[in-house]
Protein backbone atom coordinates (compact mmCIF):
# COMPACT_ATOMS: atom_id res chain seq x y z
CA MET A 1 -16.55 -7.50 -15.63
CA GLN A 2 -16.24 -5.95 -12.18
CA ILE A 3 -13.86 -2.98 -12.16
CA TYR A 4 -11.54 -2.44 -9.18
CA ASN A 5 -9.38 0.51 -8.20
CA ILE A 6 -6.00 -0.31 -6.65
CA TYR A 7 -4.17 2.42 -4.72
CA CYS A 8 -0.43 1.77 -4.28
CA ASP A 9 2.26 3.34 -2.14
CA GLU A 10 5.71 2.49 -0.83
CA SER A 11 7.98 3.15 2.13
CA CYS A 12 11.79 3.21 2.20
CA HIS A 13 12.06 1.85 -1.34
CA LEU A 14 15.29 3.64 -2.26
CA GLU A 15 18.51 1.64 -2.25
CA LYS A 16 20.57 3.93 -0.02
CA ASP A 17 18.09 5.70 2.24
CA GLN A 18 19.65 4.36 5.47
CA GLN A 19 16.55 2.27 6.20
CA ASP A 20 16.65 -1.53 6.29
CA VAL A 21 12.96 -2.32 5.82
CA MET A 22 11.18 -1.71 2.50
CA VAL A 23 7.39 -1.95 2.23
CA LEU A 24 5.19 -1.86 -0.85
CA GLY A 25 1.44 -1.88 -0.29
CA ALA A 26 -1.95 -1.44 -1.89
CA ILE A 27 -5.58 -0.95 -0.94
CA TRP A 28 -8.19 -2.10 -3.43
CA CYS A 29 -11.96 -1.76 -3.68
CA PRO A 30 -14.70 -1.89 -6.33
CA LEU A 31 -14.72 1.19 -8.55
CA ASP A 32 -18.38 1.86 -7.79
CA LYS A 33 -17.59 2.06 -4.05
CA SER A 34 -14.57 4.36 -4.25
CA LYS A 35 -16.51 7.64 -4.17
CA GLU A 36 -18.66 6.50 -1.24
CA ILE A 37 -15.52 5.50 0.67
CA ALA A 38 -13.82 8.84 -0.02
CA ILE A 39 -16.91 10.69 1.23
CA ARG A 40 -16.96 8.62 4.42
CA ILE A 41 -13.28 9.35 5.08
CA ARG A 42 -13.99 13.07 4.71
CA GLU A 43 -16.84 12.69 7.19
CA ILE A 44 -14.43 11.12 9.69
CA LYS A 45 -12.12 14.11 9.19
CA ARG A 46 -14.99 16.49 9.95
CA GLN A 47 -15.94 14.51 13.05
CA HIS A 48 -12.44 15.19 14.35
CA SER A 49 -12.56 18.90 13.42
CA LEU A 50 -10.13 18.46 10.54
CA LYS A 51 -10.45 20.18 7.19
CA GLN A 52 -11.59 18.15 4.20
CA ASN A 53 -8.21 18.65 2.52
CA PHE A 54 -6.22 17.45 5.56
CA GLU A 55 -3.78 14.86 4.23
CA ILE A 56 -3.72 11.53 6.05
CA LYS A 57 -0.07 10.50 6.42
CA TRP A 58 1.83 8.18 8.72
CA THR A 59 4.39 10.92 9.31
CA LYS A 60 1.59 13.19 10.60
CA VAL A 61 0.47 10.78 13.32
CA SER A 62 0.54 12.58 16.66
CA PRO A 63 -1.05 12.23 20.13
CA ALA A 64 -3.52 15.03 19.31
CA LYS A 65 -4.84 13.13 16.26
CA LEU A 66 -4.57 9.60 17.64
CA HIS A 67 -8.32 8.98 17.89
CA PHE A 68 -8.79 10.19 14.32
CA TYR A 69 -6.25 7.67 13.04
CA LEU A 70 -7.69 4.88 15.18
CA ASP A 71 -11.13 5.62 13.68
CA LEU A 72 -9.61 5.29 10.21
CA ILE A 73 -8.15 1.89 11.10
CA ASP A 74 -11.55 0.78 12.41
CA TYR A 75 -13.28 2.09 9.29
CA PHE A 76 -10.95 0.05 7.09
CA PHE A 77 -11.76 -3.14 9.01
CA ASP A 78 -15.49 -2.41 9.24
CA ASN A 79 -15.84 -1.88 5.48
CA SER A 80 -16.01 -5.20 3.63
CA ASP A 81 -15.24 -3.48 0.31
CA LEU A 82 -11.73 -2.50 1.43
CA HIS A 83 -8.77 -4.87 1.16
CA PHE A 84 -5.03 -4.44 1.79
CA ARG A 85 -1.87 -6.24 0.74
CA ALA A 86 1.73 -5.45 1.59
CA LEU A 87 5.08 -6.90 0.61
CA ILE A 88 7.83 -6.50 3.21
CA VAL A 89 11.56 -6.70 2.43
CA PRO A 90 13.01 -6.98 5.96
CA ASP A 91 16.65 -6.13 5.25
CA LYS A 92 17.75 -4.32 2.09
CA ALA A 93 21.37 -4.68 3.23
CA LYS A 94 21.20 -8.36 2.28
CA LEU A 95 20.26 -7.65 -1.33
CA ARG A 96 22.88 -8.80 -3.86
CA HIS A 97 21.77 -7.21 -7.10
CA ALA A 98 25.03 -7.87 -8.99
CA GLU A 99 24.74 -11.63 -8.43
CA PHE A 100 21.31 -11.59 -10.08
CA ASN A 101 22.37 -9.24 -12.90
CA GLN A 102 19.86 -6.60 -11.89
CA SER A 103 19.75 -3.00 -10.70
CA HIS A 104 17.85 -1.83 -7.64
CA ASP A 105 15.22 -0.43 -10.03
CA ASP A 106 14.83 -3.90 -11.58
CA PHE A 107 14.36 -5.33 -8.09
CA TYR A 108 11.80 -2.62 -7.31
CA TYR A 109 9.68 -3.64 -10.33
CA LYS A 110 9.93 -7.32 -9.40
CA MET A 111 8.73 -6.59 -5.88
CA TYR A 112 5.88 -4.42 -7.15
CA PHE A 113 4.87 -7.25 -9.47
CA ASP A 114 4.99 -9.76 -6.60
CA MET A 115 2.92 -7.44 -4.42
CA LEU A 116 0.22 -6.93 -7.06
CA LYS A 117 0.04 -10.32 -8.76
CA ILE A 118 -2.29 -12.06 -6.30
CA ILE A 119 -4.69 -9.10 -6.27
CA ILE A 120 -5.26 -9.27 -10.02
CA SER A 121 -7.77 -11.79 -11.36
CA PRO A 122 -8.30 -12.50 -15.09
CA ASN A 123 -12.04 -12.21 -14.45
CA ALA A 124 -12.01 -8.52 -13.52
CA THR A 125 -10.66 -5.17 -14.70
CA TYR A 126 -8.23 -3.03 -12.70
CA ARG A 127 -7.25 0.61 -12.58
CA ILE A 128 -4.04 1.08 -10.62
CA TYR A 129 -2.98 4.38 -9.09
CA ILE A 130 0.52 5.02 -7.73
CA ASP A 131 1.68 7.99 -5.72
CA ILE A 132 4.03 10.34 -7.57
CA LYS A 133 7.45 10.17 -5.89
CA ASP A 134 9.81 11.89 -8.32
CA THR A 135 10.25 13.01 -11.93
CA LYS A 136 10.73 9.38 -13.03
CA SER A 137 7.44 8.18 -11.55
CA ALA A 138 5.48 8.25 -14.84
CA GLN A 139 8.22 6.31 -16.62
CA LYS A 140 8.32 3.71 -13.85
CA ALA A 141 4.52 3.40 -13.93
CA ALA A 142 4.54 2.79 -17.70
CA LYS A 143 7.15 0.04 -17.34
CA LEU A 144 5.27 -1.59 -14.46
CA HIS A 145 2.09 -1.53 -16.55
CA ASP A 146 3.93 -3.35 -19.35
CA VAL A 147 5.35 -5.95 -16.95
CA LEU A 148 1.98 -6.69 -15.35
CA CYS A 149 0.13 -6.90 -18.66
CA ASN A 150 2.76 -9.13 -20.28
CA ASN A 151 2.65 -11.54 -17.35
CA ARG A 152 -1.11 -11.89 -17.74
CA TYR A 153 -0.95 -12.00 -21.56
CA ASP A 154 -3.14 -8.92 -21.31
CA PHE A 155 -1.93 -7.38 -24.54
CA SER A 156 -5.25 -5.61 -25.13
CA ARG A 157 -5.10 -4.21 -21.56
CA SER A 158 -8.61 -5.38 -20.84
CA ILE A 159 -7.57 -6.69 -17.41
CA ILE A 160 -5.10 -4.03 -16.28
CA GLU A 161 -6.84 -1.19 -18.02
CA ARG A 162 -4.91 1.65 -16.45
CA LEU A 163 -1.81 2.26 -14.38
CA GLN A 164 -1.03 5.88 -13.69
CA THR A 165 0.64 8.18 -11.21
CA VAL A 166 -1.47 10.52 -9.09
CA ARG A 167 -0.95 12.99 -6.27
CA SER A 168 -1.76 11.41 -2.92
CA HIS A 169 -3.04 14.61 -1.31
CA GLU A 170 -5.96 14.51 -3.78
CA ILE A 171 -7.04 10.91 -3.12
CA GLU A 172 -8.22 9.73 0.31
CA LEU A 173 -7.77 6.04 -0.44
CA LEU A 174 -4.14 6.56 -1.38
CA GLN A 175 -3.68 8.43 1.89
CA LEU A 176 -5.22 5.51 3.76
CA THR A 177 -2.74 3.21 1.99
CA ASP A 178 0.09 5.41 3.28
CA LEU A 179 -1.24 5.02 6.83
CA LEU A 180 -1.42 1.22 6.66
CA ILE A 181 2.01 0.92 5.04
CA GLY A 182 3.44 3.19 7.72
CA ALA A 183 2.07 0.94 10.45
CA ILE A 184 3.50 -2.16 8.75
CA SER A 185 6.91 -0.50 8.37
CA TYR A 186 6.90 0.70 12.00
CA ALA A 187 6.09 -2.80 13.25
CA ASN A 188 8.76 -4.46 11.12
CA ARG A 189 11.44 -1.95 12.13
CA GLY A 190 10.75 -2.82 15.76
CA LEU A 191 10.17 0.81 16.70
CA ASP A 192 8.53 2.08 19.87
CA THR A 193 9.41 5.76 19.77
CA SER A 194 5.86 7.14 19.57
CA HIS A 195 2.96 6.18 21.81
CA ALA A 196 0.49 7.30 19.14
CA LYS A 197 2.11 5.22 16.38
CA SER A 198 2.49 2.22 18.67
CA SER A 199 -1.22 2.52 19.53
CA ILE A 200 -2.15 2.44 15.84
CA VAL A 201 0.05 -0.61 15.25
CA GLN A 202 -1.61 -2.36 18.20
CA ARG A 203 -5.10 -1.52 16.89
CA PHE A 204 -4.04 -2.88 13.48
CA ARG A 205 -2.84 -6.08 15.17
CA ASP A 206 -5.99 -6.43 17.26
CA ARG A 207 -8.34 -5.93 14.33
CA SER A 208 -6.41 -8.11 11.86
CA GLY A 209 -5.43 -10.89 14.24
CA TYR A 210 -1.87 -10.80 12.88
CA ARG A 211 1.46 -9.70 14.37
CA LEU A 212 2.23 -7.85 11.10
CA THR A 213 5.80 -9.22 11.06
CA GLN A 214 5.28 -12.42 9.08
CA SER A 215 3.42 -13.65 6.02
CA THR A 216 -0.29 -14.36 6.19
CA LEU A 217 -2.01 -17.16 4.32
CA TYR A 218 -1.58 -16.71 0.57
CA ARG A 219 -5.28 -16.09 -0.10
CA GLU A 220 -5.98 -13.96 2.97
CA ASP A 221 -8.47 -11.40 1.70
CA LYS A 222 -8.60 -8.51 4.19
CA VAL A 223 -4.99 -8.00 5.28
CA ASN A 224 -2.62 -9.98 3.08
CA LEU A 225 1.07 -9.79 3.97
CA PHE A 226 4.02 -11.30 2.13
CA TYR A 227 7.35 -11.35 3.96
CA TRP A 228 10.02 -11.55 1.25
CA HIS A 229 13.32 -13.27 2.04
CA ALA A 230 16.52 -13.11 0.00
CA SER A 231 17.69 -16.49 -1.26
């Protein structure tokens, strides 16, 4: 079966971080294309006089590096092997965990499951990589692996072969995920405080054909967005 790598990241996922919008997202590609993609991203860094180990991050977007980040957005759209999905929770203040007998961590796992479930096909194998956030990251990853496998009756883990935490500064595709999630979060928070970031959001909108603030079609393959609403 075809093997895919999925690179996951999140923005404003904590319960009390003073941010309303929560975004979970993932880029996926065939395993046998991942090295080629990483090499190409490093080439784009060199073209913009950046060191190979320069970490791509939404928080590092600046006017001086705007064209570099725009080139990354274009590369994502020009490469047919790259795909992106994000789940957006527009207002965490409306969450009522007690009414649903759940903790915020429980909700976090449910949202991660909802974000990943349409990516995963029973006819392929997946290796999922999640950015390390804190000392509990490995424990959370193990639980998420169990949840995903149980839902697919994948008790032998032949579909979801691996789910592990990694350090984003070592993996270009995880850094690219951070960039796309940052743009989605910026758009959904209605911000316009940075010309450079607004320019990236606009390029994302132009290339995708979407406003980035509502759900796409369920089976959209390139940029798939799910706008979650509390019941």
